[in-house]
Protein backbone atom coordinates (compact mmCIF):
# COMPACT_ATOMS: atom_id res chain seq x y z
CA UNK A 1 -3.63 5.44 -15.72
CA UNK A 2 -4.68 8.95 -16.09
CA UNK A 3 -8.11 8.06 -14.92
CA UNK A 4 -6.93 6.99 -11.51
CA UNK A 5 -4.96 10.07 -11.16
CA UNK A 6 -8.08 12.34 -12.00
CA UNK A 7 -10.25 10.43 -9.58
CA UNK A 8 -7.78 10.89 -6.60
CA UNK A 9 -7.27 14.45 -7.42
CA UNK A 10 -11.12 15.15 -7.65
CA UNK A 11 -11.54 13.45 -4.31
CA UNK A 12 -8.85 15.65 -2.87
CA UNK A 13 -9.98 18.73 -4.23
CA UNK A 14 -13.43 18.45 -2.62
CA UNK A 15 -11.83 17.99 0.82
CA UNK A 16 -9.21 20.70 0.87
CA UNK A 17 -9.43 24.64 1.26
CA UNK A 18 -6.89 25.18 -1.37
CA UNK A 19 -7.73 22.88 -4.46
CA UNK A 20 -5.08 24.62 -6.68
CA UNK A 21 -2.29 23.04 -4.54
CA UNK A 22 -3.43 19.61 -5.22
CA UNK A 23 -1.34 17.40 -7.43
CA UNK A 24 -1.08 13.68 -8.12
CA UNK A 25 2.10 11.99 -9.43
CA UNK A 26 2.00 8.31 -10.74
CA UNK A 27 5.03 6.07 -10.45
CA UNK A 28 5.35 2.41 -11.01
CA UNK A 29 4.44 0.29 -14.14
CA UNK A 30 2.58 -2.63 -15.10
CA UNK A 31 -0.10 -3.65 -12.71
CA UNK A 32 1.39 -2.17 -9.59
CA UNK A 33 0.92 1.74 -9.37
CA UNK A 34 1.77 4.36 -6.69
CA UNK A 35 -0.17 7.51 -6.57
CA UNK A 36 1.45 10.36 -4.68
CA UNK A 37 -0.93 12.88 -3.51
CA UNK A 38 0.47 16.48 -2.75
CA UNK A 39 -1.60 18.95 -0.81
CA UNK A 40 -0.84 22.15 0.85
CA UNK A 41 0.58 21.74 4.29
CA UNK A 42 -2.46 23.49 5.94
CA UNK A 43 -4.85 20.94 4.31
CA UNK A 44 -2.94 17.69 5.24
CA UNK A 45 -5.13 17.23 8.28
CA UNK A 46 -8.31 17.51 6.19
CA UNK A 47 -6.95 14.71 3.79
CA UNK A 48 -5.95 12.41 6.69
CA UNK A 49 -8.69 12.89 8.94
CA UNK A 50 -9.10 11.83 12.47
CA UNK A 51 -7.05 8.79 13.29
CA UNK A 52 -6.56 8.46 9.46
CA UNK A 53 -10.06 7.65 8.78
CA UNK A 54 -10.31 9.80 5.54
CA UNK A 55 -7.07 8.64 4.26
CA UNK A 56 -8.11 5.03 4.79
CA UNK A 57 -11.33 5.75 2.93
CA UNK A 58 -9.49 7.45 0.07
CA UNK A 59 -7.18 4.45 -0.29
CA UNK A 60 -10.22 1.99 -0.26
CA UNK A 61 -11.94 3.88 -3.02
CA UNK A 62 -8.86 4.13 -4.97
CA UNK A 63 -8.25 0.25 -4.60
CA UNK A 64 -11.78 -0.39 -5.74
CA UNK A 65 -11.34 1.87 -8.90
CA UNK A 66 -8.07 0.23 -9.69
CA UNK A 67 -9.42 -3.21 -9.27
CA UNK A 68 -12.07 -2.68 -11.95
CA UNK A 69 -9.13 -2.22 -14.38
CA UNK A 70 -7.15 -5.14 -13.07
CA UNK A 71 -4.51 -2.89 -11.31
CA UNK A 72 -3.21 -2.54 -7.82
CA UNK A 73 -2.64 0.82 -6.33
CA UNK A 74 -1.00 2.46 -3.44
CA UNK A 75 -1.68 5.91 -2.23
CA UNK A 76 0.84 8.06 -0.53
CA UNK A 77 -0.11 11.35 0.93
CA UNK A 78 2.48 14.24 1.13
C-alpha cells in the first residue's frame, strides 16, 4: 500500500539529517507486507536509536497503521 510507504518515509525524513536519501521499498503481497527503509549510512543510528528504541517505535506505529487496513507489516531498516 502506498499509504504505508509514505507514512514510513515521512517518519524517517523527520529523524535524519539527509532526508533526500530516504527511500522505502515494498515487497510481499496480500495481507503480509515488508517495507524496507533505506537511509544514508550516517543516519542509521538516528533511525535505530539507543538500544533500538526508535526502530521499535517506528515498527509499532507501522503495525498500528497497517492494522487499520487489515494488513500485517514488517519493517526492515537498511
